[in-house]
Amino acid sequence: MARLARAEVFNPSEVAVLHLCARVVRRCFLFGVDPVTGKNHDHRKIWIEDQLRLLMQPTST
């Protein structure tokens, strides 16, 4: 069964609080230190926070 479009699920004129999660492939780490590679991915938290703040700004019509 196909998923409903977001426009059919959420009313764009209402404020909603959502919990989002993303699955990553090949057991890669989205945040924090990857124990396999030792690479730190904490910079992604800042990028996501910045994007959320940008999306929260009122749009001018």
PDB file of N, CA and C in Angstrom:
ATOM      1  N   MET A   1       0.838  -1.175   0.000  1.00  0.00           N
ATOM      2  CA  MET A   1       0.000   0.000   0.000  1.00  0.00           C
ATOM      3  C   MET A   1       0.890   1.248   0.000  1.00  0.00           C
ATOM      4  N   ALA A   2       0.550   2.196  -0.831  1.00  0.00           N
ATOM      5  CA  ALA A   2       1.339   3.423  -0.934  1.00  0.00           C
ATOM      6  C   ALA A   2       1.118   4.311   0.288  1.00  0.00           C
ATOM      7  N   ARG A   3       2.149   5.070   0.627  1.00  0.00           N
ATOM      8  CA  ARG A   3       2.040   6.026   1.733  1.00  0.00           C
ATOM      9  C   ARG A   3       1.263   7.252   1.293  1.00  0.00           C
ATOM     10  N   LEU A   4       0.637   7.896   2.273  1.00  0.00           N
ATOM     11  CA  LEU A   4      -0.052   9.151   1.999  1.00  0.00           C
ATOM     12  C   LEU A   4       0.974  10.263   1.840  1.00  0.00           C
ATOM     13  N   ALA A   5       0.650  11.227   1.007  1.00  0.00           N
ATOM     14  CA  ALA A   5       1.518  12.386   0.851  1.00  0.00           C
ATOM     15  C   ALA A   5       1.498  13.203   2.134  1.00  0.00           C
ATOM     16  N   ARG A   6       2.601  13.855   2.444  1.00  0.00           N
ATOM     17  CA  ARG A   6       2.667  14.667   3.675  1.00  0.00           C
ATOM     18  C   ARG A   6       1.574  15.724   3.690  1.00  0.00           C
ATOM     19  N   ALA A   7       1.233  16.267   2.532  1.00  0.00           N
ATOM     20  CA  ALA A   7       0.184  17.286   2.464  1.00  0.00           C
ATOM     21  C   ALA A   7      -1.169  16.713   2.884  1.00  0.00           C
ATOM     22  N   GLU A   8      -1.346  15.420   2.747  1.00  0.00           N
ATOM     23  CA  GLU A   8      -2.601  14.780   3.159  1.00  0.00           C
ATOM     24  C   GLU A   8      -2.588  14.389   4.630  1.00  0.00           C
ATOM     25  N   VAL A   9      -1.411  14.314   5.225  1.00  0.00           N
ATOM     26  CA  VAL A   9      -1.285  13.887   6.615  1.00  0.00           C
ATOM     27  C   VAL A   9      -1.245  15.079   7.561  1.00  0.00           C
ATOM     28  N   PHE A  10      -0.503  16.116   7.202  1.00  0.00           N
ATOM     29  CA  PHE A  10      -0.301  17.272   8.071  1.00  0.00           C
ATOM     30  C   PHE A  10      -0.957  18.503   7.472  1.00  0.00           C
ATOM     31  N   ASN A  11      -1.598  19.273   8.327  1.00  0.00           N
ATOM     32  CA  ASN A  11      -2.188  20.536   7.907  1.00  0.00           C
ATOM     33  C   ASN A  11      -1.092  21.597   7.948  1.00  0.00           C
ATOM     34  N   PRO A  12      -0.735  22.208   6.820  1.00  0.00           N
ATOM     35  CA  PRO A  12       0.372  23.162   6.810  1.00  0.00           C
ATOM     36  C   PRO A  12       0.107  24.421   7.625  1.00  0.00           C
ATOM     37  N   SER A  13      -1.138  24.693   7.965  1.00  0.00           N
ATOM     38  CA  SER A  13      -1.437  25.892   8.754  1.00  0.00           C
ATOM     39  C   SER A  13      -1.334  25.640  10.255  1.00  0.00           C
ATOM     40  N   GLU A  14      -1.094  24.393  10.666  1.00  0.00           N
ATOM     41  CA  GLU A  14      -0.966  24.055  12.078  1.00  0.00           C
ATOM     42  C   GLU A  14       0.482  23.753  12.434  1.00  0.00           C
ATOM     43  N   VAL A  15       0.830  24.037  13.682  1.00  0.00           N
ATOM     44  CA  VAL A  15       2.165  23.729  14.183  1.00  0.00           C
ATOM     45  C   VAL A  15       2.158  22.287  14.669  1.00  0.00           C
ATOM     46  N   ALA A  16       3.155  21.527  14.302  1.00  0.00           N
ATOM     47  CA  ALA A  16       3.244  20.125  14.708  1.00  0.00           C
ATOM     48  C   ALA A  16       4.630  19.853  15.284  1.00  0.00           C
ATOM     49  N   VAL A  17       4.671  18.992  16.273  1.00  0.00           N
ATOM     50  CA  VAL A  17       5.942  18.530  16.826  1.00  0.00           C
ATOM     51  C   VAL A  17       6.084  17.077  16.407  1.00  0.00           C
ATOM     52  N   LEU A  18       7.150  16.784  15.703  1.00  0.00           N
ATOM     53  CA  LEU A  18       7.338  15.444  15.155  1.00  0.00           C
ATOM     54  C   LEU A  18       8.660  14.861  15.612  1.00  0.00           C
ATOM     55  N   HIS A  19       8.688  13.567  15.755  1.00  0.00           N
ATOM     56  CA  HIS A  19       9.940  12.862  16.028  1.00  0.00           C
ATOM     57  C   HIS A  19      10.347  12.202  14.722  1.00  0.00           C
ATOM     58  N   LEU A  20      11.518  12.561  14.233  1.00  0.00           N
ATOM     59  CA  LEU A  20      12.002  12.012  12.978  1.00  0.00           C
ATOM     60  C   LEU A  20      13.199  11.118  13.233  1.00  0.00           C
ATOM     61  N   CYS A  21      13.273  10.046  12.515  1.00  0.00           N
ATOM     62  CA  CYS A  21      14.452   9.205  12.608  1.00  0.00           C
ATOM     63  C   CYS A  21      14.822   8.756  11.200  1.00  0.00           C
ATOM     64  N   ALA A  22      16.078   8.568  10.994  1.00  0.00           N
ATOM     65  CA  ALA A  22      16.562   8.124   9.697  1.00  0.00           C
ATOM     66  C   ALA A  22      17.445   6.906   9.909  1.00  0.00           C
ATOM     67  N   ARG A  23      17.213   5.932   9.099  1.00  0.00           N
ATOM     68  CA  ARG A  23      18.053   4.746   9.146  1.00  0.00           C
ATOM     69  C   ARG A  23      19.210   4.956   8.180  1.00  0.00           C
ATOM     70  N   VAL A  24      20.384   4.592   8.602  1.00  0.00           N
ATOM     71  CA  VAL A  24      21.540   4.743   7.730  1.00  0.00           C
ATOM     72  C   VAL A  24      21.967   3.372   7.214  1.00  0.00           C
ATOM     73  N   VAL A  25      22.634   3.369   6.091  1.00  0.00           N
ATOM     74  CA  VAL A  25      23.034   2.113   5.468  1.00  0.00           C
ATOM     75  C   VAL A  25      24.419   1.694   5.924  1.00  0.00           C
ATOM     76  N   ARG A  26      24.704   0.447   5.779  1.00  0.00           N
ATOM     77  CA  ARG A  26      26.015  -0.139   6.072  1.00  0.00           C
ATOM     78  C   ARG A  26      26.480   0.133   7.501  1.00  0.00           C
ATOM     79  N   ARG A  27      25.536   0.239   8.414  1.00  0.00           N
ATOM     80  CA  ARG A  27      25.832   0.457   9.838  1.00  0.00           C
ATOM     81  C   ARG A  27      26.654   1.714  10.082  1.00  0.00           C
ATOM     82  N   CYS A  28      26.519   2.696   9.220  1.00  0.00           N
ATOM     83  CA  CYS A  28      27.246   3.953   9.379  1.00  0.00           C
ATOM     84  C   CYS A  28      26.629   4.762  10.515  1.00  0.00           C
ATOM     85  N   PHE A  29      27.433   5.546  11.173  1.00  0.00           N
ATOM     86  CA  PHE A  29      26.964   6.393  12.258  1.00  0.00           C
ATOM     87  C   PHE A  29      26.533   7.742  11.701  1.00  0.00           C
ATOM     88  N   LEU A  30      25.373   8.206  12.139  1.00  0.00           N
ATOM     89  CA  LEU A  30      24.885   9.512  11.728  1.00  0.00           C
ATOM     90  C   LEU A  30      25.514  10.601  12.584  1.00  0.00           C
ATOM     91  N   PHE A  31      25.655  10.346  13.890  1.00  0.00           N
ATOM     92  CA  PHE A  31      26.256  11.291  14.838  1.00  0.00           C
ATOM     93  C   PHE A  31      27.293  10.558  15.670  1.00  0.00           C
ATOM     94  N   GLY A  32      28.125  11.330  16.342  1.00  0.00           N
ATOM     95  CA  GLY A  32      29.093  10.751  17.260  1.00  0.00           C
ATOM     96  C   GLY A  32      30.285  10.135  16.555  1.00  0.00           C
ATOM     97  N   VAL A  33      31.035   9.384  17.319  1.00  0.00           N
ATOM     98  CA  VAL A  33      32.251   8.757  16.811  1.00  0.00           C
ATOM     99  C   VAL A  33      31.927   7.352  16.305  1.00  0.00           C
ATOM    100  N   ASP A  34      32.288   7.090  15.085  1.00  0.00           N
ATOM    101  CA  ASP A  34      32.104   5.767  14.491  1.00  0.00           C
ATOM    102  C   ASP A  34      33.195   4.858  15.053  1.00  0.00           C
ATOM    103  N   PRO A  35      32.828   3.793  15.768  1.00  0.00           N
ATOM    104  CA  PRO A  35      33.851   2.940  16.378  1.00  0.00           C
ATOM    105  C   PRO A  35      34.694   2.170  15.354  1.00  0.00           C
ATOM    106  N   VAL A  36      34.181   1.993  14.154  1.00  0.00           N
ATOM    107  CA  VAL A  36      34.935   1.251  13.141  1.00  0.00           C
ATOM    108  C   VAL A  36      36.014   2.134  12.517  1.00  0.00           C
ATOM    109  N   THR A  37      35.599   3.345  12.105  1.00  0.00           N
ATOM    110  CA  THR A  37      36.545   4.226  11.414  1.00  0.00           C
ATOM    111  C   THR A  37      37.225   5.214  12.353  1.00  0.00           C
ATOM    112  N   GLY A  38      36.633   5.459  13.523  1.00  0.00           N
ATOM    113  CA  GLY A  38      37.169   6.441  14.451  1.00  0.00           C
ATOM    114  C   GLY A  38      36.844   7.872  14.066  1.00  0.00           C
ATOM    115  N   LYS A  39      36.061   8.061  13.003  1.00  0.00           N
ATOM    116  CA  LYS A  39      35.713   9.396  12.527  1.00  0.00           C
ATOM    117  C   LYS A  39      34.570   9.977  13.356  1.00  0.00           C
ATOM    118  N   ASN A  40      34.702  11.263  13.712  1.00  0.00           N
ATOM    119  CA  ASN A  40      33.683  11.953  14.502  1.00  0.00           C
ATOM    120  C   ASN A  40      32.702  12.654  13.552  1.00  0.00           C
ATOM    121  N   HIS A  41      31.404  12.383  13.760  1.00  0.00           N
ATOM    122  CA  HIS A  41      30.361  12.946  12.896  1.00  0.00           C
ATOM    123  C   HIS A  41      29.500  13.970  13.633  1.00  0.00           C
ATOM    124  N   ASP A  42      30.008  14.540  14.716  1.00  0.00           N
ATOM    125  CA  ASP A  42      29.224  15.501  15.487  1.00  0.00           C
ATOM    126  C   ASP A  42      28.911  16.776  14.707  1.00  0.00           C
ATOM    127  N   HIS A  43      29.693  17.086  13.677  1.00  0.00           N
ATOM    128  CA  HIS A  43      29.425  18.289  12.883  1.00  0.00           C
ATOM    129  C   HIS A  43      28.048  18.225  12.223  1.00  0.00           C
ATOM    130  N   ARG A  44      27.523  17.039  12.030  1.00  0.00           N
ATOM    131  CA  ARG A  44      26.211  16.891  11.397  1.00  0.00           C
ATOM    132  C   ARG A  44      25.091  17.416  12.288  1.00  0.00           C
ATOM    133  N   LYS A  45      25.263  17.343  13.607  1.00  0.00           N
ATOM    134  CA  LYS A  45      24.248  17.876  14.526  1.00  0.00           C
ATOM    135  C   LYS A  45      24.058  19.364  14.294  1.00  0.00           C
ATOM    136  N   ILE A  46      25.153  20.095  14.151  1.00  0.00           N
ATOM    137  CA  ILE A  46      25.089  21.537  13.921  1.00  0.00           C
ATOM    138  C   ILE A  46      24.394  21.828  12.593  1.00  0.00           C
ATOM    139  N   TRP A  47      24.735  21.065  11.565  1.00  0.00           N
ATOM    140  CA  TRP A  47      24.123  21.265  10.252  1.00  0.00           C
ATOM    141  C   TRP A  47      22.616  21.042  10.324  1.00  0.00           C
ATOM    142  N   ILE A  48      22.183  19.993  11.001  1.00  0.00           N
ATOM    143  CA  ILE A  48      20.752  19.700  11.102  1.00  0.00           C
ATOM    144  C   ILE A  48      20.036  20.771  11.921  1.00  0.00           C
ATOM    145  N   GLU A  49      20.638  21.217  13.021  1.00  0.00           N
ATOM    146  CA  GLU A  49      20.032  22.289  13.816  1.00  0.00           C
ATOM    147  C   GLU A  49      19.890  23.563  12.982  1.00  0.00           C
ATOM    148  N   ASP A  50      20.918  23.894  12.206  1.00  0.00           N
ATOM    149  CA  ASP A  50      20.852  25.081  11.348  1.00  0.00           C
ATOM    150  C   ASP A  50      19.737  24.952  10.317  1.00  0.00           C
ATOM    151  N   GLN A  51      19.584  23.786   9.741  1.00  0.00           N
ATOM    152  CA  GLN A  51      18.537  23.576   8.747  1.00  0.00           C
ATOM    153  C   GLN A  51      17.147  23.681   9.377  1.00  0.00           C
ATOM    154  N   LEU A  52      16.983  23.141  10.584  1.00  0.00           N
ATOM    155  CA  LEU A  52      15.693  23.239  11.273  1.00  0.00           C
ATOM    156  C   LEU A  52      15.356  24.692  11.593  1.00  0.00           C
ATOM    157  N   ARG A  53      16.355  25.458  12.050  1.00  0.00           N
ATOM    158  CA  ARG A  53      16.110  26.885  12.316  1.00  0.00           C
ATOM    159  C   ARG A  53      15.709  27.620  11.046  1.00  0.00           C
ATOM    160  N   LEU A  54      16.355  27.301   9.954  1.00  0.00           N
ATOM    161  CA  LEU A  54      16.021  27.919   8.663  1.00  0.00           C
ATOM    162  C   LEU A  54      14.586  27.590   8.271  1.00  0.00           C
ATOM    163  N   LEU A  55      14.188  26.348   8.457  1.00  0.00           N
ATOM    164  CA  LEU A  55      12.832  25.936   8.082  1.00  0.00           C
ATOM    165  C   LEU A  55      11.767  26.502   9.016  1.00  0.00           C
ATOM    166  N   MET A  56      12.161  26.874  10.238  1.00  0.00           N
ATOM    167  CA  MET A  56      11.193  27.420  11.200  1.00  0.00           C
ATOM    168  C   MET A  56      10.882  28.891  10.921  1.00  0.00           C
ATOM    169  N   GLN A  57      11.711  29.547  10.150  1.00  0.00           N
ATOM    170  CA  GLN A  57      11.493  30.972   9.879  1.00  0.00           C
ATOM    171  C   GLN A  57      10.214  31.156   9.072  1.00  0.00           C
ATOM    172  N   PRO A  58       9.442  32.182   9.424  1.00  0.00           N
ATOM    173  CA  PRO A  58       8.212  32.449   8.659  1.00  0.00           C
ATOM    174  C   PRO A  58       8.553  32.804   7.210  1.00  0.00           C
ATOM    175  N   THR A  59       7.736  32.359   6.326  1.00  0.00           N
ATOM    176  CA  THR A  59       7.950  32.660   4.912  1.00  0.00           C
ATOM    177  C   THR A  59       7.241  33.953   4.567  1.00  0.00           C
ATOM    178  N   SER A  60       7.828  34.720   3.700  1.00  0.00           N
ATOM    179  CA  SER A  60       7.189  35.961   3.256  1.00  0.00           C
ATOM    180  C   SER A  60       6.391  35.660   2.002  1.00  0.00           C
ATOM    181  N   THR A  61       5.163  36.124   1.994  1.00  0.00           N
ATOM    182  CA  THR A  61       4.299  35.864   0.827  1.00  0.00           C
ATOM    183  C   THR A  61       3.973  37.136   0.099  1.00  0.00           C
TER     184      THR A  61
END
